[in-house]
Amino acid sequence: MRWNLDPTHTSIQFAVRHMMIATVKGALNLKEGFVETDETGRPLRVEARLDAQSIHTGVPERDNHLRSPDFLDAENFPEILFKSERITPLEEGRYRVEGELTIRGVTQPLSFEVETYGPAKDPWGNERMAARFEGRLNRKDFGLTWNVPLELGGVLVGEEVRFSVDTEAVEAREAVAQ
């Protein structure tokens, strides 16, 4: 079965250390994606495309800098892409997802544990399922190396990016011929 990720019911958030003492948080928007499951609902494959231009932290100047060639270079690399390669069941409703993440044209392995919920029927008769997961990555692995050394040691922007995702997926239905 194929399930389409629902951009209107997906939240993608990230957090990065600032000046070694504080945390800046932000978000990105899902463009599109899907989950393929077997007949029991076990996920077999996941793919998601994020809109790099959508990055926002609440500070327009910082957001523009994050879209610039110093970071995401969103004009030349408008999408962030994740494709699963292996999904391993752990326990009821939990899975280990291993795949490849591409940011700014650089592809690196990424793995995380996912907790799934559902399926359930929404008020309009659509079958939905949901998932939640968190993870970490090193931005330098993707060529995002811009930084400024601080006078007393350390750097302006931390290397580790923590992320969390909550998403819903709607069962894809075949068009009915009339």
N, C-alpha and C. Protein backbone atom coordinates (compact mmCIF):
# COMPACT_ATOMS: atom_id res chain seq x y z
N MET A 1 0.85 -1.18 0.00
CA MET A 1 0.00 0.00 0.00
C MET A 1 0.89 1.24 0.00
N ARG A 2 0.38 2.27 -0.62
CA ARG A 2 1.11 3.53 -0.67
C ARG A 2 0.34 4.56 0.14
N TRP A 3 1.07 5.32 0.92
CA TRP A 3 0.54 6.38 1.75
C TRP A 3 1.28 7.67 1.38
N ASN A 4 0.56 8.74 1.12
CA ASN A 4 1.18 10.02 0.80
C ASN A 4 1.36 10.84 2.07
N LEU A 5 2.58 11.32 2.29
CA LEU A 5 2.81 12.19 3.43
C LEU A 5 2.01 13.47 3.26
N ASP A 6 1.41 13.94 4.32
CA ASP A 6 0.52 15.10 4.30
C ASP A 6 1.28 16.34 4.76
N PRO A 7 1.66 17.23 3.83
CA PRO A 7 2.43 18.43 4.22
C PRO A 7 1.70 19.30 5.24
N THR A 8 0.38 19.31 5.22
CA THR A 8 -0.37 20.17 6.15
C THR A 8 -0.42 19.58 7.56
N HIS A 9 -0.04 18.33 7.71
CA HIS A 9 -0.01 17.69 9.02
C HIS A 9 1.38 17.10 9.29
N THR A 10 2.40 17.84 8.87
CA THR A 10 3.78 17.43 9.10
C THR A 10 4.54 18.60 9.70
N SER A 11 5.28 18.33 10.75
CA SER A 11 6.09 19.34 11.43
C SER A 11 7.53 18.85 11.44
N ILE A 12 8.44 19.64 10.87
CA ILE A 12 9.86 19.30 10.81
C ILE A 12 10.61 20.41 11.53
N GLN A 13 11.17 20.11 12.67
CA GLN A 13 11.84 21.12 13.48
C GLN A 13 13.30 20.74 13.68
N PHE A 14 14.14 21.76 13.89
CA PHE A 14 15.56 21.51 14.14
C PHE A 14 16.06 22.46 15.22
N ALA A 15 17.19 22.10 15.81
CA ALA A 15 17.81 22.93 16.84
C ALA A 15 19.32 22.84 16.70
N VAL A 16 19.99 23.99 16.84
CA VAL A 16 21.45 24.09 16.72
C VAL A 16 21.96 25.00 17.82
N ARG A 17 23.10 24.64 18.41
CA ARG A 17 23.70 25.49 19.44
C ARG A 17 24.21 26.79 18.81
N HIS A 18 24.03 27.89 19.56
CA HIS A 18 24.48 29.21 19.15
C HIS A 18 25.45 29.74 20.19
N MET A 19 26.64 30.10 19.76
CA MET A 19 27.69 30.65 20.62
C MET A 19 28.05 29.70 21.75
N MET A 20 27.78 28.42 21.59
CA MET A 20 28.12 27.39 22.56
C MET A 20 27.30 27.48 23.85
N ILE A 21 26.37 28.46 23.96
CA ILE A 21 25.65 28.63 25.22
C ILE A 21 24.13 28.60 25.07
N ALA A 22 23.63 28.78 23.88
CA ALA A 22 22.18 28.86 23.68
C ALA A 22 21.80 27.94 22.52
N THR A 23 20.50 27.85 22.24
CA THR A 23 20.01 27.02 21.15
C THR A 23 19.09 27.84 20.26
N VAL A 24 19.31 27.75 18.96
CA VAL A 24 18.41 28.37 17.97
C VAL A 24 17.56 27.24 17.40
N LYS A 25 16.25 27.47 17.33
CA LYS A 25 15.34 26.47 16.78
C LYS A 25 14.70 27.01 15.51
N GLY A 26 14.34 26.10 14.64
CA GLY A 26 13.71 26.48 13.39
C GLY A 26 12.91 25.33 12.83
N ALA A 27 12.40 25.54 11.62
CA ALA A 27 11.56 24.53 10.98
C ALA A 27 11.74 24.58 9.47
N LEU A 28 11.34 23.49 8.84
CA LEU A 28 11.31 23.36 7.39
C LEU A 28 9.96 22.77 7.01
N ASN A 29 9.53 23.00 5.77
CA ASN A 29 8.27 22.45 5.29
C ASN A 29 8.51 21.23 4.40
N LEU A 30 7.61 20.26 4.53
CA LEU A 30 7.60 19.10 3.65
C LEU A 30 6.99 19.51 2.32
N LYS A 31 7.66 19.18 1.20
CA LYS A 31 7.07 19.39 -0.13
C LYS A 31 6.18 18.21 -0.48
N GLU A 32 6.74 17.01 -0.38
CA GLU A 32 5.99 15.80 -0.70
C GLU A 32 6.77 14.60 -0.22
N GLY A 33 6.06 13.48 -0.16
CA GLY A 33 6.72 12.24 0.22
C GLY A 33 5.71 11.12 0.28
N PHE A 34 6.22 9.92 0.54
CA PHE A 34 5.33 8.76 0.61
C PHE A 34 5.95 7.69 1.51
N VAL A 35 5.08 6.79 1.94
CA VAL A 35 5.48 5.59 2.67
C VAL A 35 4.82 4.42 1.95
N GLU A 36 5.57 3.38 1.71
CA GLU A 36 5.00 2.13 1.19
C GLU A 36 4.99 1.13 2.33
N THR A 37 3.85 0.45 2.51
CA THR A 37 3.71 -0.55 3.56
C THR A 37 3.26 -1.87 2.97
N ASP A 38 3.46 -2.94 3.74
CA ASP A 38 2.88 -4.22 3.33
C ASP A 38 1.42 -4.25 3.81
N GLU A 39 0.74 -5.36 3.59
CA GLU A 39 -0.69 -5.45 3.92
C GLU A 39 -0.96 -5.37 5.42
N THR A 40 0.07 -5.63 6.26
CA THR A 40 -0.11 -5.52 7.71
C THR A 40 0.16 -4.12 8.23
N GLY A 41 0.61 -3.21 7.35
CA GLY A 41 0.92 -1.85 7.76
C GLY A 41 2.38 -1.63 8.10
N ARG A 42 3.21 -2.66 7.96
CA ARG A 42 4.65 -2.52 8.23
C ARG A 42 5.28 -1.67 7.14
N PRO A 43 5.98 -0.59 7.51
CA PRO A 43 6.62 0.25 6.49
C PRO A 43 7.75 -0.49 5.79
N LEU A 44 7.79 -0.34 4.47
CA LEU A 44 8.82 -0.97 3.65
C LEU A 44 9.77 0.05 3.04
N ARG A 45 9.24 1.24 2.75
CA ARG A 45 10.04 2.26 2.06
C ARG A 45 9.46 3.64 2.37
N VAL A 46 10.33 4.62 2.52
CA VAL A 46 9.94 6.00 2.79
C VAL A 46 10.77 6.93 1.92
N GLU A 47 10.13 7.95 1.41
CA GLU A 47 10.85 9.01 0.70
C GLU A 47 10.20 10.34 1.05
N ALA A 48 11.02 11.36 1.31
CA ALA A 48 10.49 12.69 1.64
C ALA A 48 11.35 13.77 1.02
N ARG A 49 10.69 14.80 0.51
CA ARG A 49 11.37 15.96 -0.07
C ARG A 49 10.96 17.19 0.73
N LEU A 50 11.98 17.90 1.26
CA LEU A 50 11.74 19.11 2.03
C LEU A 50 12.07 20.33 1.19
N ASP A 51 11.40 21.42 1.46
CA ASP A 51 11.61 22.67 0.74
C ASP A 51 12.69 23.48 1.45
N ALA A 52 13.88 23.54 0.88
CA ALA A 52 14.99 24.27 1.50
C ALA A 52 14.70 25.76 1.63
N GLN A 53 13.93 26.33 0.71
CA GLN A 53 13.57 27.75 0.78
C GLN A 53 12.68 28.06 1.98
N SER A 54 12.00 27.04 2.52
CA SER A 54 11.03 27.26 3.59
C SER A 54 11.68 27.41 4.97
N ILE A 55 12.98 27.23 5.07
CA ILE A 55 13.62 27.27 6.39
C ILE A 55 13.28 28.58 7.09
N HIS A 56 12.87 28.46 8.36
CA HIS A 56 12.56 29.67 9.12
C HIS A 56 12.85 29.47 10.60
N THR A 57 13.42 30.51 11.18
CA THR A 57 13.78 30.52 12.60
C THR A 57 13.10 31.68 13.33
N GLY A 58 12.35 32.48 12.59
CA GLY A 58 11.70 33.64 13.20
C GLY A 58 12.49 34.92 13.07
N VAL A 59 13.68 34.84 12.47
CA VAL A 59 14.52 36.03 12.27
C VAL A 59 14.84 36.10 10.78
N PRO A 60 14.20 37.02 10.04
CA PRO A 60 14.38 37.07 8.58
C PRO A 60 15.83 37.14 8.11
N GLU A 61 16.67 37.92 8.79
CA GLU A 61 18.07 38.03 8.36
C GLU A 61 18.78 36.68 8.50
N ARG A 62 18.54 36.00 9.61
CA ARG A 62 19.16 34.69 9.82
C ARG A 62 18.62 33.69 8.80
N ASP A 63 17.30 33.72 8.54
CA ASP A 63 16.70 32.80 7.58
C ASP A 63 17.30 32.99 6.19
N ASN A 64 17.49 34.25 5.79
CA ASN A 64 18.11 34.52 4.49
C ASN A 64 19.55 33.99 4.45
N HIS A 65 20.27 34.13 5.57
CA HIS A 65 21.63 33.61 5.62
C HIS A 65 21.62 32.08 5.51
N LEU A 66 20.67 31.41 6.16
CA LEU A 66 20.57 29.96 6.09
C LEU A 66 20.23 29.48 4.67
N ARG A 67 19.51 30.30 3.90
CA ARG A 67 19.19 29.95 2.50
C ARG A 67 20.36 30.23 1.56
N SER A 68 21.31 31.03 2.00
CA SER A 68 22.41 31.48 1.15
C SER A 68 23.43 30.36 0.89
N PRO A 69 24.40 30.62 -0.02
CA PRO A 69 25.46 29.64 -0.27
C PRO A 69 26.31 29.30 0.96
N ASP A 70 26.30 30.14 2.00
CA ASP A 70 27.03 29.81 3.23
C ASP A 70 26.47 28.56 3.90
N PHE A 71 25.17 28.30 3.69
CA PHE A 71 24.53 27.15 4.33
C PHE A 71 23.83 26.28 3.28
N LEU A 72 22.51 26.38 3.14
CA LEU A 72 21.75 25.46 2.27
C LEU A 72 21.89 25.73 0.79
N ASP A 73 22.27 26.96 0.41
CA ASP A 73 22.33 27.33 -1.00
C ASP A 73 21.03 26.92 -1.70
N ALA A 74 19.92 27.36 -1.11
CA ALA A 74 18.59 26.92 -1.53
C ALA A 74 18.24 27.30 -2.96
N GLU A 75 18.85 28.31 -3.52
CA GLU A 75 18.58 28.67 -4.91
C GLU A 75 19.08 27.57 -5.85
N ASN A 76 20.26 27.02 -5.56
CA ASN A 76 20.83 25.97 -6.40
C ASN A 76 20.43 24.56 -5.96
N PHE A 77 20.04 24.41 -4.70
CA PHE A 77 19.65 23.11 -4.15
C PHE A 77 18.32 23.28 -3.41
N PRO A 78 17.22 23.39 -4.15
CA PRO A 78 15.93 23.73 -3.54
C PRO A 78 15.29 22.64 -2.69
N GLU A 79 15.82 21.42 -2.76
CA GLU A 79 15.22 20.33 -2.00
C GLU A 79 16.24 19.64 -1.10
N ILE A 80 15.74 19.16 0.02
CA ILE A 80 16.47 18.25 0.90
C ILE A 80 15.73 16.93 0.76
N LEU A 81 16.45 15.86 0.47
CA LEU A 81 15.82 14.58 0.13
C LEU A 81 16.26 13.48 1.09
N PHE A 82 15.29 12.70 1.57
CA PHE A 82 15.58 11.49 2.33
C PHE A 82 14.95 10.30 1.63
N LYS A 83 15.74 9.23 1.45
CA LYS A 83 15.25 7.97 0.88
C LYS A 83 15.70 6.85 1.80
N SER A 84 14.75 6.03 2.23
CA SER A 84 15.11 4.90 3.07
C SER A 84 15.77 3.80 2.23
N GLU A 85 16.62 3.04 2.88
CA GLU A 85 17.24 1.87 2.25
C GLU A 85 16.85 0.60 2.98
N ARG A 86 16.60 0.71 4.29
CA ARG A 86 16.22 -0.46 5.07
C ARG A 86 15.37 0.00 6.25
N ILE A 87 14.30 -0.74 6.53
CA ILE A 87 13.45 -0.47 7.68
C ILE A 87 13.32 -1.77 8.46
N THR A 88 13.77 -1.74 9.71
CA THR A 88 13.82 -2.94 10.54
C THR A 88 12.82 -2.81 11.69
N PRO A 89 11.90 -3.77 11.84
CA PRO A 89 10.99 -3.74 12.99
C PRO A 89 11.75 -3.91 14.30
N LEU A 90 11.38 -3.16 15.33
CA LEU A 90 12.01 -3.27 16.64
C LEU A 90 11.04 -3.88 17.65
N GLU A 91 9.93 -3.25 17.84
CA GLU A 91 8.87 -3.73 18.71
C GLU A 91 7.58 -3.15 18.17
N GLU A 92 6.47 -3.48 18.77
CA GLU A 92 5.17 -3.04 18.26
C GLU A 92 5.17 -1.52 17.95
N GLY A 93 5.01 -1.19 16.67
CA GLY A 93 4.91 0.21 16.26
C GLY A 93 6.20 0.98 16.21
N ARG A 94 7.34 0.32 16.41
CA ARG A 94 8.63 1.01 16.38
C ARG A 94 9.52 0.34 15.33
N TYR A 95 10.29 1.20 14.63
CA TYR A 95 11.14 0.71 13.55
C TYR A 95 12.45 1.49 13.54
N ARG A 96 13.49 0.85 13.07
CA ARG A 96 14.76 1.52 12.79
C ARG A 96 14.79 1.78 11.29
N VAL A 97 14.94 3.04 10.92
CA VAL A 97 14.98 3.44 9.52
C VAL A 97 16.40 3.85 9.18
N GLU A 98 16.95 3.25 8.14
CA GLU A 98 18.27 3.59 7.65
C GLU A 98 18.13 4.04 6.20
N GLY A 99 18.78 5.12 5.86
CA GLY A 99 18.67 5.61 4.50
C GLY A 99 19.74 6.63 4.18
N GLU A 100 19.44 7.42 3.16
CA GLU A 100 20.37 8.45 2.71
C GLU A 100 19.68 9.81 2.72
N LEU A 101 20.37 10.79 3.27
CA LEU A 101 19.90 12.17 3.30
C LEU A 101 20.78 12.99 2.38
N THR A 102 20.15 13.78 1.51
CA THR A 102 20.89 14.65 0.60
C THR A 102 20.57 16.10 0.92
N ILE A 103 21.61 16.84 1.28
CA ILE A 103 21.50 18.28 1.55
C ILE A 103 22.57 18.96 0.71
N ARG A 104 22.14 19.94 -0.05
CA ARG A 104 23.10 20.74 -0.84
C ARG A 104 23.93 19.86 -1.77
N GLY A 105 23.31 18.81 -2.31
CA GLY A 105 23.97 17.93 -3.27
C GLY A 105 24.90 16.90 -2.66
N VAL A 106 24.99 16.87 -1.34
CA VAL A 106 25.85 15.91 -0.64
C VAL A 106 24.96 14.86 0.02
N THR A 107 25.24 13.60 -0.25
CA THR A 107 24.44 12.49 0.29
C THR A 107 25.24 11.75 1.35
N GLN A 108 24.60 11.56 2.51
CA GLN A 108 25.23 10.86 3.63
C GLN A 108 24.22 9.89 4.24
N PRO A 109 24.69 8.82 4.88
CA PRO A 109 23.77 7.91 5.56
C PRO A 109 23.14 8.59 6.78
N LEU A 110 21.91 8.21 7.06
CA LEU A 110 21.20 8.72 8.24
C LEU A 110 20.29 7.61 8.75
N SER A 111 20.28 7.42 10.06
CA SER A 111 19.38 6.42 10.63
C SER A 111 18.74 7.00 11.88
N PHE A 112 17.55 6.49 12.19
CA PHE A 112 16.80 6.95 13.35
C PHE A 112 15.72 5.93 13.66
N GLU A 113 15.16 6.02 14.86
CA GLU A 113 14.06 5.15 15.26
C GLU A 113 12.76 5.91 15.13
N VAL A 114 11.75 5.21 14.61
CA VAL A 114 10.44 5.82 14.35
C VAL A 114 9.38 5.11 15.19
N GLU A 115 8.47 5.89 15.73
CA GLU A 115 7.31 5.34 16.40
C GLU A 115 6.10 5.65 15.52
N THR A 116 5.30 4.62 15.20
CA THR A 116 4.16 4.81 14.30
C THR A 116 2.85 4.66 15.07
N TYR A 117 1.81 5.26 14.51
CA TYR A 117 0.47 5.25 15.11
C TYR A 117 -0.56 5.02 14.01
N GLY A 118 -1.61 4.29 14.35
CA GLY A 118 -2.68 4.08 13.38
C GLY A 118 -2.53 2.76 12.68
N PRO A 119 -3.32 2.57 11.65
CA PRO A 119 -4.12 3.58 10.94
C PRO A 119 -5.43 3.91 11.67
N ALA A 120 -6.01 5.03 11.25
CA ALA A 120 -7.29 5.49 11.76
C ALA A 120 -8.02 6.19 10.61
N LYS A 121 -9.33 6.21 10.69
CA LYS A 121 -10.14 6.85 9.65
C LYS A 121 -10.46 8.27 10.08
N ASP A 122 -10.20 9.24 9.19
CA ASP A 122 -10.53 10.63 9.51
C ASP A 122 -12.02 10.88 9.24
N PRO A 123 -12.55 12.06 9.59
CA PRO A 123 -13.98 12.33 9.41
C PRO A 123 -14.46 12.30 7.96
N TRP A 124 -13.54 12.31 7.00
CA TRP A 124 -13.90 12.32 5.58
C TRP A 124 -13.74 10.94 4.95
N GLY A 125 -13.45 9.94 5.78
CA GLY A 125 -13.36 8.58 5.29
C GLY A 125 -11.98 8.16 4.80
N ASN A 126 -10.97 9.00 5.00
CA ASN A 126 -9.61 8.67 4.57
C ASN A 126 -8.89 7.89 5.66
N GLU A 127 -8.14 6.87 5.27
CA GLU A 127 -7.29 6.15 6.21
C GLU A 127 -6.01 6.95 6.39
N ARG A 128 -5.61 7.14 7.64
CA ARG A 128 -4.40 7.88 7.97
C ARG A 128 -3.54 7.07 8.93
N MET A 129 -2.26 7.29 8.85
CA MET A 129 -1.35 6.78 9.86
C MET A 129 -0.38 7.91 10.19
N ALA A 130 0.34 7.78 11.27
CA ALA A 130 1.24 8.86 11.70
C ALA A 130 2.55 8.25 12.19
N ALA A 131 3.55 9.12 12.27
CA ALA A 131 4.86 8.70 12.77
C ALA A 131 5.52 9.87 13.46
N ARG A 132 6.39 9.54 14.39
CA ARG A 132 7.18 10.54 15.11
C ARG A 132 8.59 9.99 15.26
N PHE A 133 9.59 10.89 15.03
CA PHE A 133 10.98 10.47 15.24
C PHE A 133 11.86 11.67 15.49
N GLU A 134 13.00 11.38 16.09
CA GLU A 134 14.02 12.40 16.37
C GLU A 134 15.36 11.85 15.93
N GLY A 135 16.29 12.76 15.67
CA GLY A 135 17.62 12.32 15.28
C GLY A 135 18.61 13.46 15.39
N ARG A 136 19.83 13.15 14.96
CA ARG A 136 20.93 14.12 14.98
C ARG A 136 21.77 13.91 13.74
N LEU A 137 22.37 14.99 13.28
CA LEU A 137 23.33 14.91 12.19
C LEU A 137 24.38 15.99 12.38
N ASN A 138 25.49 15.82 11.72
CA ASN A 138 26.56 16.82 11.75
C ASN A 138 26.47 17.60 10.44
N ARG A 139 26.21 18.88 10.53
CA ARG A 139 26.02 19.70 9.32
C ARG A 139 27.27 19.73 8.45
N LYS A 140 28.47 19.59 9.05
CA LYS A 140 29.71 19.62 8.27
C LYS A 140 29.80 18.43 7.32
N ASP A 141 29.14 17.31 7.67
CA ASP A 141 29.13 16.14 6.78
C ASP A 141 28.48 16.46 5.44
N PHE A 142 27.68 17.52 5.40
CA PHE A 142 26.96 17.91 4.18
C PHE A 142 27.55 19.16 3.54
N GLY A 143 28.74 19.54 3.97
CA GLY A 143 29.40 20.70 3.39
C GLY A 143 28.92 22.03 3.94
N LEU A 144 28.17 22.02 5.02
CA LEU A 144 27.71 23.26 5.66
C LEU A 144 28.72 23.63 6.73
N THR A 145 29.80 24.28 6.31
CA THR A 145 30.95 24.50 7.19
C THR A 145 31.10 25.94 7.67
N TRP A 146 30.27 26.85 7.18
CA TRP A 146 30.42 28.27 7.56
C TRP A 146 30.40 28.39 9.08
N ASN A 147 31.28 29.25 9.60
CA ASN A 147 31.30 29.50 11.03
C ASN A 147 32.14 30.73 11.33
N VAL A 148 32.08 31.19 12.57
CA VAL A 148 32.89 32.30 13.05
C VAL A 148 33.47 31.90 14.40
N PRO A 149 34.80 31.94 14.55
CA PRO A 149 35.38 31.61 15.86
C PRO A 149 35.04 32.71 16.87
N LEU A 150 34.83 32.31 18.11
CA LEU A 150 34.52 33.26 19.17
C LEU A 150 35.79 33.66 19.90
N GLU A 151 35.81 34.87 20.41
CA GLU A 151 36.99 35.43 21.06
C GLU A 151 37.51 34.56 22.21
N LEU A 152 36.60 34.00 23.00
CA LEU A 152 37.02 33.21 24.16
C LEU A 152 37.04 31.71 23.88
N GLY A 153 37.01 31.35 22.61
CA GLY A 153 37.02 29.94 22.24
C GLY A 153 35.65 29.49 21.78
N GLY A 154 35.63 28.41 21.03
CA GLY A 154 34.37 27.91 20.50
C GLY A 154 34.01 28.60 19.19
N VAL A 155 32.80 28.33 18.72
CA VAL A 155 32.35 28.88 17.45
C VAL A 155 30.93 29.41 17.58
N LEU A 156 30.54 30.21 16.61
CA LEU A 156 29.21 30.82 16.61
C LEU A 156 28.09 29.80 16.42
N VAL A 157 28.28 28.85 15.47
CA VAL A 157 27.23 27.90 15.13
C VAL A 157 27.71 26.47 15.42
N GLY A 158 26.96 25.73 16.20
CA GLY A 158 27.31 24.36 16.51
C GLY A 158 27.27 23.46 15.28
N GLU A 159 28.00 22.37 15.33
CA GLU A 159 28.03 21.41 14.22
C GLU A 159 26.84 20.46 14.26
N GLU A 160 26.41 20.07 15.46
CA GLU A 160 25.32 19.10 15.59
C GLU A 160 23.97 19.77 15.37
N VAL A 161 23.17 19.13 14.52
CA VAL A 161 21.79 19.57 14.28
C VAL A 161 20.87 18.49 14.81
N ARG A 162 20.07 18.84 15.80
CA ARG A 162 19.06 17.91 16.31
C ARG A 162 17.77 18.18 15.54
N PHE A 163 17.04 17.13 15.20
CA PHE A 163 15.78 17.32 14.48
C PHE A 163 14.69 16.43 15.05
N SER A 164 13.46 16.87 14.87
CA SER A 164 12.30 16.06 15.25
C SER A 164 11.23 16.24 14.18
N VAL A 165 10.54 15.14 13.91
CA VAL A 165 9.51 15.13 12.86
C VAL A 165 8.26 14.45 13.39
N ASP A 166 7.13 15.09 13.18
CA ASP A 166 5.81 14.49 13.39
C ASP A 166 5.11 14.57 12.04
N THR A 167 4.59 13.45 11.58
CA THR A 167 3.96 13.45 10.26
C THR A 167 2.75 12.54 10.21
N GLU A 168 1.83 12.88 9.32
CA GLU A 168 0.70 12.02 9.00
C GLU A 168 0.80 11.64 7.54
N ALA A 169 0.27 10.46 7.23
CA ALA A 169 0.22 9.99 5.85
C ALA A 169 -1.19 9.52 5.57
N VAL A 170 -1.65 9.80 4.35
CA VAL A 170 -2.99 9.44 3.92
C VAL A 170 -2.88 8.34 2.87
N GLU A 171 -3.71 7.31 3.03
CA GLU A 171 -3.68 6.21 2.07
C GLU A 171 -3.97 6.74 0.67
N ALA A 172 -3.09 6.41 -0.26
CA ALA A 172 -3.28 6.84 -1.65
C ALA A 172 -4.36 5.97 -2.27
N ARG A 173 -5.25 6.60 -2.95
CA ARG A 173 -6.35 5.86 -3.61
C ARG A 173 -6.20 5.97 -5.10
N GLU A 174 -6.47 4.88 -5.77
CA GLU A 174 -6.44 4.87 -7.24
C GLU A 174 -7.65 5.65 -7.75
N ALA A 175 -7.46 6.39 -8.83
CA ALA A 175 -8.58 7.09 -9.44
C ALA A 175 -9.55 6.08 -10.01
N VAL A 176 -10.82 6.33 -9.82
CA VAL A 176 -11.85 5.45 -10.30
C VAL A 176 -12.25 5.87 -11.71
N ALA A 177 -12.16 4.95 -12.66
CA ALA A 177 -12.54 5.25 -14.06
C ALA A 177 -14.06 5.36 -14.14
N GLN A 178 -14.52 6.34 -14.91
CA GLN A 178 -15.98 6.52 -15.04
C GLN A 178 -16.40 6.37 -16.47
